[in-house]
């Protein structure tokens, strides 16, 4: 009887151990998915207005440019994910092959491109060129159709396209915006406390509000009303990606963020972002990433490995 009890207890512990390990695996996987992403603009055709519109797309972050190029091309040709916006690509607009060299993308389109109406050819070309040249390492796009190069208007040389040389440059619809008041935290004069500055801004619908709040913090305080406040985030900091999942906002910044900002203390820099983002009802904590990586510490002063909660003790 005693042996049966022992086996029963061991069985319970074994099941619990499996459950705990599985939970840790799932959590780690979800965090990794949230951490390693970059944001890109995809330009798709609005068939109702015959214009291009921007769709923001989060794509897994990779350091290899060739892999990033291939990923962006594949994501683009997979089509718009915002079906409610009516954005699309013609079904005949397909890619056979893709590569890039020396800042030029080389795209071979399927022969079905030749069957498309002229207006869709023009829009599709603009859509492709605008999307690829949004990558900072692509300046030009060279197109072939079933291996045959597209020629210039005089049919004298192979055409190379960029945003200035797209056949009948497409109209890109202006960003849809809405007016919203946000609460931003900057440093006081001696860099020891945070001061809240209320700011009205045009919020772009193609970008998350969290992204635009951090943009405003990088831009710095508004001194037009005489407020003597300091910028908390180095002005050359670049936003790699920002997304919120289950109340945690993952803020992925460039390494320039790690530079010391004048007399502003490290906690003030960190909590200027944390307190600004947690003003939003959707954000409870902020996890920082630098170049897609989670660091253990911030300038030897703060534990950077865990999400930060709001701290009101720093607010003046």
Protein backbone atom coordinates (compact mmCIF):
# COMPACT_ATOMS: atom_id res chain seq x y z
CA UNK A 1 0.00 0.00 0.00
CA UNK A 2 2.84 2.32 0.94
CA UNK A 3 4.57 1.69 -2.41
CA UNK A 4 1.37 2.56 -4.25
CA UNK A 5 1.19 5.87 -2.37
CA UNK A 6 4.81 6.63 -3.27
CA UNK A 7 4.20 5.90 -6.94
CA UNK A 8 1.08 8.08 -6.83
CA UNK A 9 3.00 11.03 -5.31
CA UNK A 10 5.85 10.61 -7.82
CA UNK A 11 3.32 10.57 -10.67
CA UNK A 12 1.76 13.83 -9.48
CA UNK A 13 5.19 15.51 -9.26
CA UNK A 14 6.10 14.25 -12.73
CA UNK A 15 2.90 15.65 -14.24
CA UNK A 16 3.45 19.01 -12.49
CA UNK A 17 7.03 19.16 -13.74
CA UNK A 18 5.92 18.55 -17.33
CA UNK A 19 3.25 21.27 -17.03
CA UNK A 20 5.74 23.80 -15.61
CA UNK A 21 8.33 23.09 -18.31
CA UNK A 22 5.66 23.39 -21.02
CA UNK A 23 4.42 26.69 -19.59
CA UNK A 24 7.96 28.09 -19.48
CA UNK A 25 8.54 26.99 -23.10
CA UNK A 26 5.32 28.61 -24.33
CA UNK A 27 6.02 31.83 -22.42
CA UNK A 28 9.60 32.02 -23.70
CA UNK A 29 8.42 31.39 -27.27
CA UNK A 30 5.81 34.14 -27.05
CA UNK A 31 8.31 36.61 -25.60
CA UNK A 32 10.83 35.80 -28.33
CA UNK A 33 8.18 36.36 -30.98
CA UNK A 34 7.32 39.72 -29.46
CA UNK A 35 10.96 40.77 -29.04
CA UNK A 36 12.52 40.12 -32.44
CA UNK A 37 10.49 42.18 -34.88
CA UNK A 38 11.04 45.18 -37.13
CA UNK A 39 8.38 47.36 -38.71
CA UNK A 40 8.15 47.93 -42.49
CA UNK A 41 5.89 49.84 -44.87
CA UNK A 42 4.08 47.78 -47.48
CA UNK A 43 2.47 49.81 -50.30
CA UNK A 44 -0.67 48.14 -51.61
CA UNK A 45 -3.26 49.20 -54.18
CA UNK A 46 -6.62 50.56 -53.11
CA UNK A 47 -8.69 49.29 -56.03
CA UNK A 48 -11.53 51.72 -55.24
CA UNK A 49 -9.40 54.86 -55.49
CA UNK A 50 -6.56 53.63 -57.77
CA UNK A 51 -3.99 54.87 -55.28
CA UNK A 52 -1.36 53.30 -53.04
CA UNK A 53 -1.86 53.06 -49.29
CA UNK A 54 0.58 52.13 -46.57
CA UNK A 55 0.20 49.01 -44.45
CA UNK A 56 2.57 48.67 -41.50
CA UNK A 57 3.91 45.13 -41.21
CA UNK A 58 5.89 43.62 -38.31
CA UNK A 59 8.46 41.14 -39.61
CA UNK A 60 10.85 38.93 -37.64
CA UNK A 61 14.08 40.84 -37.16
CA UNK A 62 17.25 39.45 -38.75
CA UNK A 63 20.72 40.96 -39.06
CA UNK A 64 21.41 39.43 -42.48
CA UNK A 65 20.30 41.87 -45.22
CA UNK A 66 19.82 39.17 -47.84
CA UNK A 67 17.45 37.26 -45.56
CA UNK A 68 15.63 40.49 -44.67
CA UNK A 69 15.25 41.36 -48.37
CA UNK A 70 13.84 37.93 -49.20
CA UNK A 71 11.46 38.08 -46.23
CA UNK A 72 10.11 41.50 -47.21
CA UNK A 73 9.57 40.43 -50.84
CA UNK A 74 7.75 37.26 -49.75
CA UNK A 75 5.59 39.16 -47.25
CA UNK A 76 4.75 41.79 -49.86
CA UNK A 77 3.67 39.31 -52.53
CA UNK A 78 1.64 37.40 -49.93
CA UNK A 79 -0.70 40.40 -50.03
CA UNK A 80 -2.35 42.75 -47.57
CA UNK A 81 -3.42 41.41 -44.18
CA UNK A 82 -5.85 44.33 -43.64
CA UNK A 83 -8.74 43.00 -45.69
CA UNK A 84 -11.08 45.55 -44.12
CA UNK A 85 -9.14 48.35 -45.88
CA UNK A 86 -9.69 46.83 -49.32
CA UNK A 87 -5.96 46.83 -50.15
CA UNK A 88 -4.69 44.20 -52.57
CA UNK A 89 -2.44 43.25 -55.47
CA UNK A 90 -3.72 41.90 -58.81
CA UNK A 91 -3.69 38.09 -58.86
CA UNK A 92 -1.57 38.21 -62.05
CA UNK A 93 1.17 40.15 -60.23
CA UNK A 94 3.49 37.36 -59.07
CA UNK A 95 7.23 36.98 -58.56
CA UNK A 96 9.38 34.30 -60.20
CA UNK A 97 12.72 35.27 -58.73
CA UNK A 98 14.29 37.89 -56.46
CA UNK A 99 17.79 39.07 -55.52
CA UNK A 100 19.67 42.26 -54.80
CA UNK A 101 23.17 43.55 -55.38
CA UNK A 102 24.89 46.91 -54.79
CA UNK A 103 21.70 48.61 -53.50
CA UNK A 104 19.65 47.45 -56.53
CA UNK A 105 16.84 44.89 -56.27
CA UNK A 106 16.39 42.53 -59.23
CA UNK A 107 12.85 41.18 -59.53
CA UNK A 108 11.63 38.75 -62.19
CA UNK A 109 7.84 38.86 -62.54
CA UNK A 110 5.63 36.08 -63.86
CA UNK A 111 4.57 36.37 -67.52
CA UNK A 112 0.98 36.98 -66.38
CA UNK A 113 2.09 40.59 -65.71
CA UNK A 114 1.79 41.20 -69.47
CA UNK A 115 -1.92 40.31 -69.34
CA UNK A 116 -2.74 43.06 -66.84
CA UNK A 117 -4.48 46.32 -67.89
CA UNK A 118 -2.13 49.29 -68.27
CA UNK A 119 -3.46 51.13 -65.20
CA UNK A 120 -2.85 48.09 -62.97
CA UNK A 121 0.63 47.61 -64.42
CA UNK A 122 1.49 51.18 -63.48
CA UNK A 123 0.03 50.90 -59.97
CA UNK A 124 1.61 47.50 -59.36
CA UNK A 125 5.01 48.77 -60.46
CA UNK A 126 4.73 51.76 -58.13
CA UNK A 127 3.58 49.50 -55.32
CA UNK A 128 6.59 47.21 -55.73
CA UNK A 129 9.15 50.00 -56.14
CA UNK A 130 7.87 52.00 -53.16
CA UNK A 131 7.86 48.91 -50.93
CA UNK A 132 11.37 47.74 -51.82
CA UNK A 133 12.98 51.19 -51.65
CA UNK A 134 11.57 51.53 -48.13
CA UNK A 135 14.42 49.19 -47.16
CA UNK A 136 17.37 51.42 -46.27
CA UNK A 137 19.79 49.32 -48.35
CA UNK A 138 17.71 49.36 -51.58
CA UNK A 139 17.80 52.45 -53.82
CA UNK A 140 16.74 51.09 -57.21
CA UNK A 141 14.65 48.26 -58.65
CA UNK A 142 15.37 46.48 -61.95
CA UNK A 143 12.42 44.49 -63.35
CA UNK A 144 12.29 41.58 -65.77
CA UNK A 145 9.18 39.72 -66.93
CA UNK A 146 9.74 36.00 -67.50
CA UNK A 147 13.44 36.83 -67.85
CA UNK A 148 12.95 39.65 -70.39
CA UNK A 149 14.13 43.07 -69.14
CA UNK A 150 11.73 46.01 -69.05
CA UNK A 151 13.05 48.78 -71.27
CA UNK A 152 12.86 52.54 -70.88
CA UNK A 153 10.28 54.63 -72.77
CA UNK A 154 12.57 54.97 -75.77
CA UNK A 155 13.16 51.21 -75.76
CA UNK A 156 16.90 51.88 -75.78
CA UNK A 157 18.16 50.62 -72.44
CA UNK A 158 17.07 48.46 -69.51
CA UNK A 159 14.84 50.45 -67.20
CA UNK A 160 15.91 50.98 -63.59
CA UNK A 161 13.18 52.28 -61.30
CA UNK A 162 13.18 54.26 -58.08
CA UNK A 163 10.72 56.62 -56.43
CA UNK A 164 11.66 59.41 -58.83
CA UNK A 165 11.49 57.19 -61.92
CA UNK A 166 8.30 55.18 -61.67
CA UNK A 167 6.07 55.22 -64.75
CA UNK A 168 3.44 57.88 -64.02
CA UNK A 169 4.44 58.19 -60.36
CA UNK A 170 1.61 56.68 -58.30
CA UNK A 171 -0.42 58.72 -55.86
CA UNK A 172 0.16 57.59 -52.29
CA UNK A 173 -2.83 58.35 -50.12
CA UNK A 174 -1.98 60.62 -47.20
CA UNK A 175 -1.85 58.98 -43.80
CA UNK A 176 -5.18 58.69 -42.04
CA UNK A 177 -4.86 60.50 -38.73
CA UNK A 178 -6.86 61.37 -35.68
CA UNK A 179 -6.30 64.05 -33.06
CA UNK A 180 -5.36 62.76 -29.61
CA UNK A 181 -3.93 64.15 -26.38
CA UNK A 182 -0.97 62.20 -24.95
CA UNK A 183 0.97 62.60 -21.70
CA UNK A 184 4.74 62.70 -22.07
CA UNK A 185 7.31 62.74 -19.28
CA UNK A 186 10.51 64.78 -19.63
CA UNK A 187 13.26 65.68 -17.15
CA UNK A 188 13.27 68.79 -14.99
CA UNK A 189 16.16 71.26 -15.15
CA UNK A 190 18.57 69.30 -12.93
CA UNK A 191 17.61 65.91 -14.41
CA UNK A 192 16.43 64.46 -11.12
CA UNK A 193 12.65 64.35 -11.62
CA UNK A 194 10.05 63.77 -14.32
CA UNK A 195 7.56 66.44 -15.36
CA UNK A 196 4.42 65.58 -17.32
CA UNK A 197 3.80 67.58 -20.49
CA UNK A 198 0.40 67.28 -22.12
CA UNK A 199 0.58 67.30 -25.90
CA UNK A 200 -2.01 67.19 -28.66
CA UNK A 201 -0.87 65.34 -31.76
CA UNK A 202 -2.10 63.90 -35.05
CA UNK A 203 -1.92 60.14 -34.53
CA UNK A 204 -1.25 58.07 -37.66
CA UNK A 205 -3.51 55.06 -37.99
CA UNK A 206 -0.78 53.06 -39.77
CA UNK A 207 1.45 53.15 -36.68
CA UNK A 208 0.78 52.13 -33.10
CA UNK A 209 0.20 54.91 -30.58
CA UNK A 210 3.04 53.46 -28.48
CA UNK A 211 5.44 53.93 -31.41
CA UNK A 212 4.40 57.55 -31.88
CA UNK A 213 4.69 58.34 -28.17
CA UNK A 214 8.32 57.18 -28.14
CA UNK A 215 8.89 59.23 -31.33
CA UNK A 216 7.66 62.31 -29.46
CA UNK A 217 9.98 61.57 -26.51
CA UNK A 218 12.95 61.32 -28.88
CA UNK A 219 11.93 64.65 -30.47
CA UNK A 220 12.06 66.27 -27.02
CA UNK A 221 9.92 68.63 -24.93
CA UNK A 222 7.92 71.57 -26.24
CA UNK A 223 9.55 74.75 -24.93
CA UNK A 224 7.15 77.17 -26.64
CA UNK A 225 5.12 77.65 -23.45
CA UNK A 226 8.20 78.51 -21.39
CA UNK A 227 8.55 75.08 -19.82
CA UNK A 228 12.20 74.53 -18.89
CA UNK A 229 12.34 70.78 -19.46
CA UNK A 230 15.09 68.49 -20.75
CA UNK A 231 15.09 65.79 -23.35
CA UNK A 232 15.48 62.34 -21.74
CA UNK A 233 16.24 60.13 -24.76
CA UNK A 234 19.28 60.71 -27.02
CA UNK A 235 18.03 62.39 -30.21
CA UNK A 236 19.85 59.92 -32.50
CA UNK A 237 18.01 56.94 -30.98
CA UNK A 238 16.16 54.95 -33.64
CA UNK A 239 13.03 52.91 -33.03
CA UNK A 240 13.50 49.40 -34.39
CA UNK A 241 10.05 48.18 -33.41
CA UNK A 242 7.39 48.58 -30.73
CA UNK A 243 4.52 46.25 -29.99
CA UNK A 244 2.28 45.46 -27.03
CA UNK A 245 1.23 41.95 -26.07
CA UNK A 246 -0.80 41.02 -22.98
CA UNK A 247 -0.13 44.37 -21.33
CA UNK A 248 3.64 44.35 -21.89
CA UNK A 249 5.00 46.88 -24.37
CA UNK A 250 8.21 45.66 -26.03
CA UNK A 251 10.30 48.70 -26.97
CA UNK A 252 13.13 47.78 -29.36
CA UNK A 253 15.62 50.66 -29.72
CA UNK A 254 18.97 51.21 -31.41
CA UNK A 255 22.19 51.14 -29.40
CA UNK A 256 22.34 54.96 -29.40
CA UNK A 257 19.76 54.82 -26.60
CA UNK A 258 22.49 53.57 -24.24
CA UNK A 259 24.39 56.89 -24.38
CA UNK A 260 24.30 59.09 -21.28
CA UNK A 261 22.04 62.14 -21.72
CA UNK A 262 23.72 65.13 -20.01
CA UNK A 263 22.84 65.39 -16.32
CA UNK A 264 19.73 63.22 -16.72
CA UNK A 265 20.00 60.13 -14.51
CA UNK A 266 19.49 56.63 -15.89
CA UNK A 267 16.21 56.04 -14.00
CA UNK A 268 14.80 59.30 -15.38
CA UNK A 269 15.59 58.23 -18.96
CA UNK A 270 14.00 54.81 -18.47
CA UNK A 271 10.91 55.98 -16.62
CA UNK A 272 10.26 58.87 -19.00
CA UNK A 273 9.37 56.13 -21.50
CA UNK A 274 7.75 53.75 -19.01
CA UNK A 275 5.54 56.39 -17.41
CA UNK A 276 4.56 57.88 -20.78
CA UNK A 277 3.53 54.49 -22.20
CA UNK A 278 1.72 53.33 -19.08
CA UNK A 279 -0.55 56.36 -19.40
CA UNK A 280 -2.23 54.16 -22.02
CA UNK A 281 -4.81 51.76 -20.66
CA UNK A 282 -3.37 48.93 -22.77
CA UNK A 283 0.15 49.07 -21.28
CA UNK A 284 0.98 47.85 -17.77
CA UNK A 285 4.72 47.21 -18.14
CA UNK A 286 7.56 48.03 -20.55
CA UNK A 287 10.28 45.61 -21.65
CA UNK A 288 13.30 47.25 -23.29
CA UNK A 289 15.32 45.64 -26.08
CA UNK A 290 18.45 46.99 -27.73
CA UNK A 291 18.93 46.01 -31.39
CA UNK A 292 16.44 43.17 -30.78
CA UNK A 293 18.32 41.77 -27.78
CA UNK A 294 17.31 41.71 -24.13
CA UNK A 295 20.20 43.06 -22.03
CA UNK A 296 20.86 42.23 -18.38
CA UNK A 297 21.55 45.79 -17.28
CA UNK A 298 21.29 49.40 -18.39
CA UNK A 299 24.63 51.21 -18.12
CA UNK A 300 25.53 49.14 -15.05
CA UNK A 301 22.78 50.77 -13.01
CA UNK A 302 19.38 49.16 -13.68
CA UNK A 303 18.19 45.58 -14.20
CA UNK A 304 17.23 45.58 -17.87
CA UNK A 305 16.24 41.92 -18.12
CA UNK A 306 12.72 42.35 -16.73
CA UNK A 307 9.77 44.58 -17.66
CA UNK A 308 9.48 47.93 -15.84
CA UNK A 309 6.29 48.99 -14.07
CA UNK A 310 5.16 52.58 -13.67
CA UNK A 311 7.00 54.61 -10.98
CA UNK A 312 5.17 57.70 -9.74
CA UNK A 313 7.79 58.55 -7.08
CA UNK A 314 9.96 60.12 -9.81
CA UNK A 315 7.22 62.52 -10.93
CA UNK A 316 7.55 66.08 -9.71
